Amino acid sequence: MNVLFLCTGNSCRSILAEATFNALAPAGMRAMSAGSQPVGYVHPRALALLEREGISTAGYYSKSWHELPAVPDLVITVCASAAGETCPVYLAPVPRAHWGVADPAKATGSEAEIDAAFDAAYRILRTRIEAFLALPAALAQRDPAAFKAELERIGTITA
């Protein structure tokens, strides 16, 4: 299964989700990330956080949804502005879910407060990814409505 984590800028949340998913997922499952308006760089704090968590950052970069290496089987939006965007036609027939997370790149305050915002976003995404990976493997095929309901439920988990 190819999972696409979609955001607007593809510099922070979607990259955190992609890298975390790929670090935790079993063989046969892979995450990608993209943005509808990619900013062209991965936020340095996102990279530093992944490295602190022992997750490889090799090969991750900010990219457009037009540059995907594979067609996704599932699209998960992680930012509010991406949730209502019109996706390219090839994304239309795949299941979609919204797992909104506050954008830590917009955090203000002290260095510790900004780091805390990044940590909070990561923890929420990781908890949701772990819940997703715990779903029965055949659920998406066996009962698409139940799968969609589970995806939406997971999107409400706050860590």
N, C-alpha and C. Protein backbone atom coordinates (compact mmCIF):
# COMPACT_ATOMS: atom_id res chain seq x y z
N MET A 1 0.85 -1.18 0.00
CA MET A 1 0.00 0.00 0.00
C MET A 1 0.88 1.23 0.00
N ASN A 2 0.60 2.15 -0.89
CA ASN A 2 1.28 3.44 -0.97
C ASN A 2 0.40 4.51 -0.34
N VAL A 3 0.90 5.14 0.71
CA VAL A 3 0.16 6.18 1.42
C VAL A 3 0.81 7.53 1.11
N LEU A 4 0.00 8.48 0.68
CA LEU A 4 0.49 9.83 0.41
C LEU A 4 0.04 10.75 1.53
N PHE A 5 1.01 11.38 2.21
CA PHE A 5 0.72 12.43 3.18
C PHE A 5 0.83 13.75 2.44
N LEU A 6 -0.28 14.45 2.37
CA LEU A 6 -0.38 15.65 1.54
C LEU A 6 -0.56 16.89 2.40
N CYS A 7 0.19 17.91 2.07
CA CYS A 7 0.13 19.19 2.75
C CYS A 7 0.28 20.27 1.69
N THR A 8 0.30 21.50 2.09
CA THR A 8 0.48 22.57 1.13
C THR A 8 1.96 22.76 0.81
N GLY A 9 2.79 23.01 1.84
CA GLY A 9 4.20 23.33 1.61
C GLY A 9 5.15 22.16 1.54
N ASN A 10 4.76 21.00 2.08
CA ASN A 10 5.60 19.81 2.11
C ASN A 10 6.99 20.12 2.67
N SER A 11 6.99 20.80 3.83
CA SER A 11 8.28 21.11 4.46
C SER A 11 8.36 20.61 5.89
N CYS A 12 7.23 20.21 6.46
CA CYS A 12 7.25 19.89 7.88
C CYS A 12 6.36 18.70 8.20
N ARG A 13 5.06 18.92 8.39
CA ARG A 13 4.17 17.85 8.85
C ARG A 13 4.13 16.65 7.92
N SER A 14 3.98 16.89 6.63
CA SER A 14 3.89 15.76 5.70
C SER A 14 5.22 15.01 5.62
N ILE A 15 6.32 15.72 5.75
CA ILE A 15 7.64 15.07 5.78
C ILE A 15 7.79 14.26 7.06
N LEU A 16 7.40 14.84 8.20
CA LEU A 16 7.44 14.10 9.47
C LEU A 16 6.63 12.81 9.36
N ALA A 17 5.44 12.91 8.77
CA ALA A 17 4.58 11.73 8.64
C ALA A 17 5.20 10.70 7.70
N GLU A 18 5.71 11.14 6.57
CA GLU A 18 6.32 10.22 5.60
C GLU A 18 7.48 9.45 6.22
N ALA A 19 8.40 10.17 6.84
CA ALA A 19 9.59 9.54 7.41
C ALA A 19 9.22 8.61 8.56
N THR A 20 8.28 9.04 9.41
CA THR A 20 7.87 8.21 10.54
C THR A 20 7.16 6.96 10.06
N PHE A 21 6.24 7.11 9.12
CA PHE A 21 5.53 5.96 8.56
C PHE A 21 6.53 4.96 7.98
N ASN A 22 7.46 5.44 7.19
CA ASN A 22 8.43 4.54 6.56
C ASN A 22 9.32 3.84 7.58
N ALA A 23 9.59 4.50 8.70
CA ALA A 23 10.40 3.88 9.75
C ALA A 23 9.63 2.80 10.50
N LEU A 24 8.31 2.93 10.59
CA LEU A 24 7.49 2.01 11.39
C LEU A 24 6.77 0.94 10.58
N ALA A 25 6.53 1.19 9.32
CA ALA A 25 5.67 0.32 8.51
C ALA A 25 6.35 -1.00 8.15
N PRO A 26 5.53 -2.04 8.05
CA PRO A 26 6.06 -3.33 7.61
C PRO A 26 6.34 -3.32 6.11
N ALA A 27 7.01 -4.35 5.65
CA ALA A 27 7.27 -4.51 4.21
C ALA A 27 5.95 -4.48 3.46
N GLY A 28 5.95 -3.87 2.31
CA GLY A 28 4.74 -3.79 1.50
C GLY A 28 3.94 -2.52 1.71
N MET A 29 4.32 -1.73 2.71
CA MET A 29 3.66 -0.45 2.95
C MET A 29 4.72 0.64 2.84
N ARG A 30 4.36 1.72 2.16
CA ARG A 30 5.31 2.80 1.94
C ARG A 30 4.57 4.12 1.96
N ALA A 31 5.22 5.12 2.53
CA ALA A 31 4.66 6.47 2.53
C ALA A 31 5.42 7.35 1.56
N MET A 32 4.69 8.31 1.04
CA MET A 32 5.25 9.38 0.22
C MET A 32 4.67 10.67 0.81
N SER A 33 5.26 11.79 0.46
CA SER A 33 4.66 13.07 0.85
C SER A 33 4.81 14.03 -0.31
N ALA A 34 3.93 15.01 -0.31
CA ALA A 34 3.98 16.03 -1.36
C ALA A 34 3.19 17.24 -0.90
N GLY A 35 3.36 18.32 -1.65
CA GLY A 35 2.62 19.53 -1.37
C GLY A 35 1.97 20.08 -2.63
N SER A 36 0.86 20.74 -2.44
CA SER A 36 0.20 21.38 -3.58
C SER A 36 0.97 22.62 -4.02
N GLN A 37 1.69 23.24 -3.06
CA GLN A 37 2.54 24.40 -3.34
C GLN A 37 3.84 24.23 -2.54
N PRO A 38 4.69 23.29 -2.92
CA PRO A 38 5.88 23.00 -2.12
C PRO A 38 6.79 24.21 -1.99
N VAL A 39 7.35 24.36 -0.78
CA VAL A 39 8.21 25.51 -0.51
C VAL A 39 9.64 25.28 -0.99
N GLY A 40 10.00 24.05 -1.30
CA GLY A 40 11.32 23.78 -1.86
C GLY A 40 12.39 23.40 -0.87
N TYR A 41 12.05 23.29 0.42
CA TYR A 41 13.04 22.87 1.42
C TYR A 41 12.30 22.15 2.54
N VAL A 42 13.03 21.31 3.26
CA VAL A 42 12.48 20.67 4.46
C VAL A 42 12.91 21.52 5.64
N HIS A 43 11.98 21.82 6.52
CA HIS A 43 12.28 22.67 7.68
C HIS A 43 13.40 22.03 8.50
N PRO A 44 14.44 22.79 8.84
CA PRO A 44 15.57 22.23 9.60
C PRO A 44 15.16 21.62 10.93
N ARG A 45 14.16 22.19 11.59
CA ARG A 45 13.73 21.61 12.87
C ARG A 45 13.06 20.26 12.67
N ALA A 46 12.37 20.08 11.56
CA ALA A 46 11.76 18.77 11.27
C ALA A 46 12.86 17.73 11.07
N LEU A 47 13.89 18.09 10.33
CA LEU A 47 15.00 17.16 10.12
C LEU A 47 15.70 16.83 11.43
N ALA A 48 15.94 17.85 12.25
CA ALA A 48 16.61 17.64 13.54
C ALA A 48 15.78 16.74 14.44
N LEU A 49 14.47 16.94 14.46
CA LEU A 49 13.59 16.12 15.28
C LEU A 49 13.64 14.66 14.83
N LEU A 50 13.55 14.42 13.54
CA LEU A 50 13.62 13.05 13.03
C LEU A 50 14.94 12.39 13.41
N GLU A 51 16.02 13.12 13.29
CA GLU A 51 17.33 12.57 13.66
C GLU A 51 17.38 12.24 15.15
N ARG A 52 16.82 13.12 16.00
CA ARG A 52 16.78 12.84 17.44
C ARG A 52 15.98 11.57 17.73
N GLU A 53 14.96 11.32 16.92
CA GLU A 53 14.12 10.13 17.10
C GLU A 53 14.73 8.88 16.47
N GLY A 54 15.89 9.03 15.85
CA GLY A 54 16.55 7.88 15.23
C GLY A 54 15.96 7.49 13.89
N ILE A 55 15.28 8.43 13.24
CA ILE A 55 14.65 8.18 11.94
C ILE A 55 15.50 8.82 10.85
N SER A 56 15.84 8.03 9.86
CA SER A 56 16.68 8.53 8.77
C SER A 56 15.99 9.69 8.04
N THR A 57 16.79 10.67 7.67
CA THR A 57 16.28 11.80 6.90
C THR A 57 16.78 11.76 5.45
N ALA A 58 17.50 10.71 5.11
CA ALA A 58 18.09 10.60 3.77
C ALA A 58 17.00 10.53 2.70
N GLY A 59 17.13 11.36 1.70
CA GLY A 59 16.24 11.30 0.55
C GLY A 59 14.95 12.09 0.67
N TYR A 60 14.68 12.69 1.81
CA TYR A 60 13.44 13.45 1.96
C TYR A 60 13.65 14.88 1.48
N TYR A 61 12.71 15.36 0.68
CA TYR A 61 12.79 16.72 0.16
C TYR A 61 11.38 17.23 -0.12
N SER A 62 11.23 18.53 -0.18
CA SER A 62 9.95 19.16 -0.47
C SER A 62 9.65 19.01 -1.96
N LYS A 63 8.46 18.44 -2.27
CA LYS A 63 8.14 18.18 -3.67
C LYS A 63 6.66 18.38 -3.95
N SER A 64 6.37 18.54 -5.21
CA SER A 64 4.99 18.70 -5.68
C SER A 64 4.31 17.34 -5.80
N TRP A 65 2.99 17.36 -5.75
CA TRP A 65 2.24 16.12 -5.95
C TRP A 65 2.35 15.64 -7.40
N HIS A 66 2.94 16.44 -8.27
CA HIS A 66 3.18 16.02 -9.66
C HIS A 66 4.46 15.19 -9.79
N GLU A 67 5.24 15.09 -8.71
CA GLU A 67 6.52 14.37 -8.74
C GLU A 67 6.48 13.05 -7.99
N LEU A 68 5.32 12.51 -7.73
CA LEU A 68 5.22 11.29 -6.93
C LEU A 68 5.85 10.10 -7.64
N PRO A 69 6.57 9.25 -6.88
CA PRO A 69 7.20 8.09 -7.50
C PRO A 69 6.23 6.95 -7.80
N ALA A 70 5.04 7.00 -7.21
CA ALA A 70 4.04 5.94 -7.42
C ALA A 70 2.65 6.54 -7.23
N VAL A 71 1.65 5.86 -7.73
CA VAL A 71 0.26 6.29 -7.53
C VAL A 71 -0.15 5.87 -6.12
N PRO A 72 -0.68 6.79 -5.32
CA PRO A 72 -1.07 6.42 -3.96
C PRO A 72 -2.34 5.57 -3.93
N ASP A 73 -2.40 4.71 -2.91
CA ASP A 73 -3.60 3.92 -2.64
C ASP A 73 -4.49 4.62 -1.62
N LEU A 74 -3.91 5.58 -0.90
CA LEU A 74 -4.59 6.32 0.15
C LEU A 74 -3.94 7.69 0.26
N VAL A 75 -4.76 8.73 0.41
CA VAL A 75 -4.26 10.09 0.59
C VAL A 75 -4.71 10.60 1.95
N ILE A 76 -3.75 11.06 2.75
CA ILE A 76 -4.05 11.63 4.06
C ILE A 76 -3.54 13.06 4.07
N THR A 77 -4.46 14.01 4.22
CA THR A 77 -4.05 15.41 4.33
C THR A 77 -3.73 15.70 5.79
N VAL A 78 -2.70 16.50 6.02
CA VAL A 78 -2.26 16.79 7.38
C VAL A 78 -2.31 18.26 7.74
N CYS A 79 -2.80 19.10 6.82
CA CYS A 79 -2.95 20.52 7.15
C CYS A 79 -4.31 21.01 6.68
N ALA A 80 -4.84 21.96 7.39
CA ALA A 80 -6.20 22.43 7.10
C ALA A 80 -6.34 22.97 5.69
N SER A 81 -5.34 23.67 5.19
CA SER A 81 -5.48 24.26 3.86
C SER A 81 -5.49 23.20 2.76
N ALA A 82 -4.89 22.04 3.02
CA ALA A 82 -4.88 20.98 2.01
C ALA A 82 -6.16 20.16 2.02
N ALA A 83 -6.92 20.20 3.09
CA ALA A 83 -8.08 19.31 3.22
C ALA A 83 -9.14 19.55 2.16
N GLY A 84 -9.33 20.78 1.75
CA GLY A 84 -10.38 21.06 0.78
C GLY A 84 -9.88 21.33 -0.63
N GLU A 85 -8.59 21.14 -0.87
CA GLU A 85 -8.05 21.42 -2.19
C GLU A 85 -8.50 20.39 -3.21
N THR A 86 -8.62 20.82 -4.44
CA THR A 86 -8.90 19.90 -5.53
C THR A 86 -7.61 19.18 -5.88
N CYS A 87 -7.66 17.86 -5.83
CA CYS A 87 -6.47 17.06 -6.12
C CYS A 87 -6.41 16.73 -7.61
N PRO A 88 -5.22 16.41 -8.10
CA PRO A 88 -5.13 15.99 -9.50
C PRO A 88 -6.07 14.81 -9.75
N VAL A 89 -6.51 14.66 -10.98
CA VAL A 89 -7.50 13.65 -11.34
C VAL A 89 -7.10 12.26 -10.88
N TYR A 90 -5.82 11.89 -11.01
CA TYR A 90 -5.44 10.53 -10.66
C TYR A 90 -5.59 10.22 -9.18
N LEU A 91 -5.74 11.24 -8.34
CA LEU A 91 -5.95 11.00 -6.91
C LEU A 91 -7.42 10.80 -6.58
N ALA A 92 -8.29 11.22 -7.45
CA ALA A 92 -9.72 11.20 -7.14
C ALA A 92 -10.27 9.85 -6.71
N PRO A 93 -9.92 8.73 -7.35
CA PRO A 93 -10.55 7.47 -6.98
C PRO A 93 -10.00 6.79 -5.73
N VAL A 94 -9.01 7.35 -5.07
CA VAL A 94 -8.45 6.70 -3.89
C VAL A 94 -9.10 7.22 -2.61
N PRO A 95 -9.15 6.39 -1.57
CA PRO A 95 -9.69 6.87 -0.29
C PRO A 95 -8.87 8.04 0.23
N ARG A 96 -9.56 8.96 0.91
CA ARG A 96 -8.92 10.13 1.49
C ARG A 96 -9.35 10.28 2.93
N ALA A 97 -8.45 10.82 3.73
CA ALA A 97 -8.76 11.13 5.12
C ALA A 97 -8.03 12.42 5.48
N HIS A 98 -8.52 13.08 6.50
CA HIS A 98 -7.87 14.30 6.97
C HIS A 98 -7.40 14.11 8.40
N TRP A 99 -6.11 14.25 8.61
CA TRP A 99 -5.51 14.17 9.93
C TRP A 99 -4.85 15.52 10.25
N GLY A 100 -5.64 16.54 10.42
CA GLY A 100 -5.12 17.88 10.65
C GLY A 100 -4.23 17.97 11.88
N VAL A 101 -3.13 18.70 11.72
CA VAL A 101 -2.16 18.94 12.79
C VAL A 101 -1.73 20.39 12.69
N ALA A 102 -1.66 21.07 13.84
CA ALA A 102 -1.20 22.47 13.84
C ALA A 102 0.20 22.55 13.22
N ASP A 103 0.44 23.60 12.47
CA ASP A 103 1.71 23.75 11.76
C ASP A 103 2.80 24.27 12.69
N PRO A 104 3.75 23.42 13.07
CA PRO A 104 4.81 23.90 13.96
C PRO A 104 5.73 24.92 13.30
N ALA A 105 5.77 24.95 11.99
CA ALA A 105 6.61 25.94 11.30
C ALA A 105 6.11 27.36 11.54
N LYS A 106 4.86 27.48 11.95
CA LYS A 106 4.29 28.80 12.24
C LYS A 106 4.37 29.15 13.73
N ALA A 107 4.97 28.26 14.53
CA ALA A 107 5.07 28.49 15.97
C ALA A 107 5.95 29.70 16.25
N THR A 108 5.58 30.43 17.28
CA THR A 108 6.37 31.58 17.73
C THR A 108 6.68 31.40 19.20
N GLY A 109 7.59 32.21 19.69
CA GLY A 109 7.96 32.15 21.09
C GLY A 109 9.43 31.83 21.24
N SER A 110 9.77 31.30 22.40
CA SER A 110 11.16 30.95 22.68
C SER A 110 11.56 29.72 21.86
N GLU A 111 12.85 29.46 21.83
CA GLU A 111 13.35 28.26 21.14
C GLU A 111 12.69 27.01 21.73
N ALA A 112 12.56 26.98 23.05
CA ALA A 112 11.94 25.82 23.71
C ALA A 112 10.47 25.68 23.31
N GLU A 113 9.76 26.79 23.19
CA GLU A 113 8.35 26.74 22.80
C GLU A 113 8.19 26.28 21.35
N ILE A 114 9.07 26.72 20.49
CA ILE A 114 9.02 26.29 19.09
C ILE A 114 9.36 24.81 18.99
N ASP A 115 10.39 24.38 19.72
CA ASP A 115 10.73 22.95 19.74
C ASP A 115 9.56 22.12 20.26
N ALA A 116 8.86 22.64 21.27
CA ALA A 116 7.71 21.93 21.83
C ALA A 116 6.60 21.79 20.80
N ALA A 117 6.41 22.80 19.95
CA ALA A 117 5.39 22.72 18.90
C ALA A 117 5.75 21.63 17.89
N PHE A 118 7.03 21.53 17.54
CA PHE A 118 7.47 20.47 16.62
C PHE A 118 7.29 19.10 17.26
N ASP A 119 7.68 18.99 18.54
CA ASP A 119 7.52 17.72 19.24
C ASP A 119 6.06 17.31 19.32
N ALA A 120 5.17 18.26 19.59
CA ALA A 120 3.74 17.95 19.68
C ALA A 120 3.20 17.45 18.34
N ALA A 121 3.56 18.12 17.27
CA ALA A 121 3.11 17.69 15.94
C ALA A 121 3.61 16.28 15.64
N TYR A 122 4.87 16.03 15.94
CA TYR A 122 5.45 14.71 15.70
C TYR A 122 4.73 13.64 16.51
N ARG A 123 4.50 13.89 17.79
CA ARG A 123 3.85 12.90 18.66
C ARG A 123 2.45 12.58 18.16
N ILE A 124 1.70 13.60 17.75
CA ILE A 124 0.35 13.36 17.22
C ILE A 124 0.43 12.51 15.96
N LEU A 125 1.29 12.88 15.05
CA LEU A 125 1.43 12.11 13.80
C LEU A 125 1.87 10.68 14.08
N ARG A 126 2.85 10.51 14.96
CA ARG A 126 3.34 9.16 15.26
C ARG A 126 2.24 8.31 15.89
N THR A 127 1.50 8.87 16.82
CA THR A 127 0.41 8.12 17.46
C THR A 127 -0.63 7.71 16.43
N ARG A 128 -0.97 8.60 15.53
CA ARG A 128 -1.95 8.28 14.48
C ARG A 128 -1.41 7.21 13.53
N ILE A 129 -0.15 7.32 13.17
CA ILE A 129 0.45 6.33 12.27
C ILE A 129 0.48 4.96 12.95
N GLU A 130 0.84 4.92 14.22
CA GLU A 130 0.83 3.65 14.95
C GLU A 130 -0.57 3.05 14.99
N ALA A 131 -1.58 3.88 15.19
CA ALA A 131 -2.97 3.40 15.19
C ALA A 131 -3.35 2.87 13.81
N PHE A 132 -2.95 3.57 12.77
CA PHE A 132 -3.22 3.11 11.40
C PHE A 132 -2.57 1.76 11.14
N LEU A 133 -1.31 1.63 11.53
CA LEU A 133 -0.58 0.38 11.28
C LEU A 133 -1.12 -0.78 12.10
N ALA A 134 -1.87 -0.49 13.16
CA ALA A 134 -2.48 -1.55 13.97
C ALA A 134 -3.81 -2.05 13.39
N LEU A 135 -4.34 -1.37 12.38
CA LEU A 135 -5.59 -1.81 11.75
C LEU A 135 -5.37 -3.16 11.06
N PRO A 136 -6.42 -3.99 10.99
CA PRO A 136 -6.30 -5.25 10.25
C PRO A 136 -5.91 -4.96 8.80
N ALA A 137 -4.93 -5.70 8.30
CA ALA A 137 -4.39 -5.45 6.96
C ALA A 137 -5.45 -5.52 5.87
N ALA A 138 -6.43 -6.37 6.03
CA ALA A 138 -7.43 -6.58 4.97
C ALA A 138 -8.63 -5.64 5.09
N LEU A 139 -8.67 -4.79 6.10
CA LEU A 139 -9.86 -3.96 6.33
C LEU A 139 -10.22 -3.09 5.13
N ALA A 140 -9.24 -2.48 4.50
CA ALA A 140 -9.51 -1.59 3.36
C ALA A 140 -10.20 -2.33 2.23
N GLN A 141 -9.82 -3.57 1.99
CA GLN A 141 -10.42 -4.36 0.91
C GLN A 141 -11.75 -4.96 1.33
N ARG A 142 -11.80 -5.46 2.56
CA ARG A 142 -12.97 -6.19 3.05
C ARG A 142 -14.16 -5.26 3.33
N ASP A 143 -13.87 -4.11 3.93
CA ASP A 143 -14.96 -3.21 4.34
C ASP A 143 -14.51 -1.75 4.18
N PRO A 144 -14.58 -1.22 2.96
CA PRO A 144 -14.10 0.15 2.72
C PRO A 144 -14.76 1.21 3.61
N ALA A 145 -16.03 1.04 3.93
CA ALA A 145 -16.71 2.02 4.79
C ALA A 145 -16.13 2.00 6.20
N ALA A 146 -15.89 0.81 6.73
CA ALA A 146 -15.29 0.70 8.07
C ALA A 146 -13.87 1.24 8.06
N PHE A 147 -13.14 0.99 6.98
CA PHE A 147 -11.78 1.50 6.84
C PHE A 147 -11.79 3.03 6.86
N LYS A 148 -12.68 3.62 6.11
CA LYS A 148 -12.81 5.09 6.06
C LYS A 148 -13.16 5.63 7.45
N ALA A 149 -14.08 4.96 8.14
CA ALA A 149 -14.48 5.39 9.48
C ALA A 149 -13.29 5.33 10.44
N GLU A 150 -12.49 4.27 10.33
CA GLU A 150 -11.30 4.15 11.18
C GLU A 150 -10.29 5.25 10.87
N LEU A 151 -10.10 5.54 9.59
CA LEU A 151 -9.18 6.62 9.22
C LEU A 151 -9.62 7.95 9.82
N GLU A 152 -10.92 8.22 9.76
CA GLU A 152 -11.44 9.47 10.32
C GLU A 152 -11.29 9.49 11.84
N ARG A 153 -11.54 8.34 12.50
CA ARG A 153 -11.38 8.25 13.95
C ARG A 153 -9.92 8.51 14.32
N ILE A 154 -9.02 7.88 13.60
CA ILE A 154 -7.59 8.06 13.87
C ILE A 154 -7.21 9.54 13.73
N GLY A 155 -7.82 10.23 12.80
CA GLY A 155 -7.54 11.65 12.60
C GLY A 155 -7.93 12.54 13.76
N THR A 156 -8.68 12.00 14.72
CA THR A 156 -9.07 12.78 15.89
C THR A 156 -8.17 12.51 17.10
N ILE A 157 -7.28 11.54 16.99
CA ILE A 157 -6.38 11.21 18.10
C ILE A 157 -5.40 12.37 18.30
N THR A 158 -5.26 12.78 19.55
CA THR A 158 -4.38 13.92 19.84
C THR A 158 -3.11 13.53 20.58
N ALA A 159 -2.80 12.29 20.67
CA ALA A 159 -1.58 11.75 21.29
C ALA A 159 -1.71 11.57 22.73
